[in-house]
N, C-alpha and C. Protein backbone atom coordinates (compact mmCIF):
# COMPACT_ATOMS: atom_id res chain seq x y z
N MET A 1 36.05 194.72 38.75
CA MET A 1 35.17 195.30 39.63
C MET A 1 34.43 194.28 40.53
N SER A 2 34.41 194.40 41.74
CA SER A 2 33.76 193.69 42.65
C SER A 2 32.17 193.94 42.41
N THR A 3 31.46 192.80 43.01
CA THR A 3 29.93 192.92 42.80
C THR A 3 29.55 194.22 43.62
N SER A 4 29.91 194.38 45.02
CA SER A 4 29.34 195.30 45.69
C SER A 4 29.82 196.76 45.17
N THR A 5 30.99 196.97 44.18
CA THR A 5 31.32 198.05 43.74
C THR A 5 30.29 198.33 42.60
N GLN A 6 29.91 197.30 41.64
CA GLN A 6 29.05 197.46 40.70
C GLN A 6 27.74 197.86 41.19
N ARG A 7 27.36 197.30 42.39
CA ARG A 7 25.85 197.79 42.86
C ARG A 7 26.09 199.24 43.05
N ARG A 8 27.00 199.75 43.63
CA ARG A 8 27.18 201.18 44.17
C ARG A 8 27.12 202.03 42.99
N THR A 9 27.78 201.55 41.96
CA THR A 9 28.13 202.41 40.76
C THR A 9 26.65 202.52 40.05
N THR A 10 25.94 201.28 39.93
CA THR A 10 24.67 201.31 39.48
C THR A 10 23.58 202.05 40.15
N ALA A 11 23.68 202.20 41.44
CA ALA A 11 22.92 202.97 42.37
C ALA A 11 23.23 204.22 42.02
N ALA A 12 24.27 204.76 42.18
CA ALA A 12 24.84 206.17 41.93
C ALA A 12 24.34 206.66 40.66
N SER A 13 24.58 205.82 39.49
CA SER A 13 24.16 206.15 38.11
C SER A 13 22.70 206.51 38.16
N ALA A 14 21.70 205.56 38.92
CA ALA A 14 20.30 205.69 38.75
C ALA A 14 20.02 206.88 39.67
N THR A 15 20.53 207.32 40.71
CA THR A 15 20.39 208.39 41.37
C THR A 15 20.62 209.60 40.73
N GLN A 16 21.78 209.79 39.92
CA GLN A 16 22.08 210.87 38.96
C GLN A 16 21.12 210.93 37.91
N ASP A 17 20.53 209.94 37.41
CA ASP A 17 19.47 210.19 36.36
C ASP A 17 18.28 210.79 37.02
N GLN A 18 17.84 210.12 38.03
CA GLN A 18 16.67 210.86 38.68
C GLN A 18 16.72 212.26 39.07
N ARG A 19 18.02 212.67 39.52
CA ARG A 19 18.27 213.98 39.77
C ARG A 19 18.31 214.77 38.65
N SER A 20 18.80 214.31 37.37
CA SER A 20 18.70 215.04 36.10
C SER A 20 17.30 215.45 35.67
N ARG A 21 16.51 214.07 35.80
CA ARG A 21 15.16 214.17 35.42
C ARG A 21 14.43 215.29 36.24
N ALA A 22 14.61 215.06 37.39
CA ALA A 22 13.81 216.28 38.17
C ALA A 22 14.30 217.66 37.93
N ALA A 23 15.41 217.66 37.57
CA ALA A 23 16.10 219.28 37.13
C ALA A 23 15.40 219.73 36.18
N GLY A 24 15.34 218.80 35.16
CA GLY A 24 14.71 219.09 33.79
C GLY A 24 13.26 219.39 33.57
N ARG A 25 12.71 218.55 34.66
CA ARG A 25 11.23 218.89 34.94
C ARG A 25 11.02 220.21 35.56
N ALA A 26 11.94 220.54 36.40
CA ALA A 26 11.87 221.69 37.18
C ALA A 26 11.94 223.00 36.30
N ALA A 27 12.85 222.84 35.30
CA ALA A 27 12.93 223.77 34.23
C ALA A 27 11.98 223.67 33.26
N GLY A 28 11.09 222.90 33.24
CA GLY A 28 9.94 223.05 32.49
C GLY A 28 9.94 222.19 31.06
N TYR A 29 10.85 221.16 31.20
CA TYR A 29 11.26 220.38 29.93
C TYR A 29 10.47 219.10 30.20
N CYS A 30 10.02 218.30 29.20
CA CYS A 30 9.75 216.99 29.28
C CYS A 30 10.71 216.24 29.88
N TRP A 31 11.93 216.04 29.22
CA TRP A 31 13.12 215.55 29.53
C TRP A 31 13.33 214.12 29.52
N SER A 32 12.48 213.48 28.57
CA SER A 32 12.47 212.18 28.36
C SER A 32 13.71 211.88 27.68
N ARG A 33 14.59 210.84 27.77
CA ARG A 33 15.73 210.46 27.36
C ARG A 33 15.57 209.73 25.89
N ASN A 34 16.27 210.15 24.94
CA ASN A 34 16.14 209.71 23.47
C ASN A 34 16.79 208.42 23.67
N PRO A 35 15.91 207.45 23.22
CA PRO A 35 16.39 206.02 23.12
C PRO A 35 17.29 205.50 22.07
N ASN A 36 17.47 206.32 21.09
CA ASN A 36 17.94 206.33 19.69
C ASN A 36 19.32 207.10 19.47
N GLY A 37 19.61 207.78 20.48
CA GLY A 37 20.94 208.73 20.24
C GLY A 37 21.03 209.79 21.40
N PRO A 38 21.82 210.70 21.08
CA PRO A 38 21.92 211.79 22.21
C PRO A 38 20.64 212.60 22.40
N GLY A 39 20.56 213.17 23.46
CA GLY A 39 19.49 214.30 23.90
C GLY A 39 18.60 213.76 24.87
N ARG A 40 17.88 214.77 25.22
CA ARG A 40 16.48 214.84 26.03
C ARG A 40 15.67 215.66 25.43
N CYS A 41 14.46 215.45 25.48
CA CYS A 41 13.27 216.11 25.03
C CYS A 41 13.10 217.65 25.58
N THR A 42 13.36 218.63 24.95
CA THR A 42 13.09 219.93 25.43
C THR A 42 11.80 220.53 25.26
N TRP A 43 10.94 219.90 24.92
CA TRP A 43 9.66 220.41 24.90
C TRP A 43 8.89 220.40 26.15
N PRO A 44 7.75 221.05 26.41
CA PRO A 44 7.15 221.15 27.57
C PRO A 44 6.43 219.72 27.85
N PRO A 45 6.31 219.53 29.20
CA PRO A 45 5.76 218.10 29.33
C PRO A 45 4.10 217.79 28.71
N HIS A 46 4.01 216.81 28.46
CA HIS A 46 2.68 216.46 27.71
C HIS A 46 2.07 217.17 26.65
N THR A 47 3.17 217.48 25.86
CA THR A 47 2.90 218.06 24.54
C THR A 47 2.54 216.97 23.59
N LEU A 48 1.47 217.42 22.73
CA LEU A 48 0.95 216.45 21.70
C LEU A 48 2.09 216.15 20.76
N GLY A 49 2.15 215.10 20.12
CA GLY A 49 3.20 214.55 19.21
C GLY A 49 4.31 214.02 19.70
N GLY A 50 5.60 213.96 19.00
CA GLY A 50 6.75 213.29 19.37
C GLY A 50 7.58 214.31 20.21
N HIS A 51 8.76 213.67 20.64
CA HIS A 51 9.71 214.32 21.49
C HIS A 51 10.55 214.90 20.58
N LYS A 52 11.30 215.88 21.12
CA LYS A 52 12.27 216.84 20.32
C LYS A 52 13.30 217.42 21.18
N ASP A 53 14.46 217.38 20.73
CA ASP A 53 15.63 218.04 21.59
C ASP A 53 16.14 219.15 20.66
N HIS A 54 15.81 220.33 20.91
CA HIS A 54 16.21 221.52 20.09
C HIS A 54 17.60 221.54 20.13
N TYR A 55 18.44 221.29 20.86
CA TYR A 55 20.02 221.46 20.96
C TYR A 55 20.57 220.48 20.43
N ALA A 56 20.10 219.00 20.47
CA ALA A 56 20.98 218.09 19.76
C ALA A 56 20.28 217.82 18.33
N HIS A 57 19.43 218.73 18.14
CA HIS A 57 18.58 218.60 16.68
C HIS A 57 18.02 217.18 16.38
N THR A 58 17.46 216.63 17.23
CA THR A 58 16.98 215.15 17.07
C THR A 58 15.34 215.38 17.60
N GLU A 59 14.40 214.60 16.82
CA GLU A 59 12.90 214.71 17.10
C GLU A 59 12.39 213.39 16.65
N CYS A 60 11.02 213.50 17.03
CA CYS A 60 10.31 212.14 17.09
C CYS A 60 10.71 210.93 17.30
N TRP A 61 10.84 210.66 18.47
CA TRP A 61 11.05 209.55 19.15
C TRP A 61 10.19 208.94 20.00
């Protein structure tokens, strides 16, 4: 893959991640990505305690 293609792919990926985060926030979720596995936080933003993804059954990251 050429350097210019890598830059475009990275930029597209970053844009997609930003859109996903915006959509999750608009739906009322914290939407923080789980750094240790699958899932994103499905609790409301600024909830006290750890993050939790109800659907992926992961919590406290």
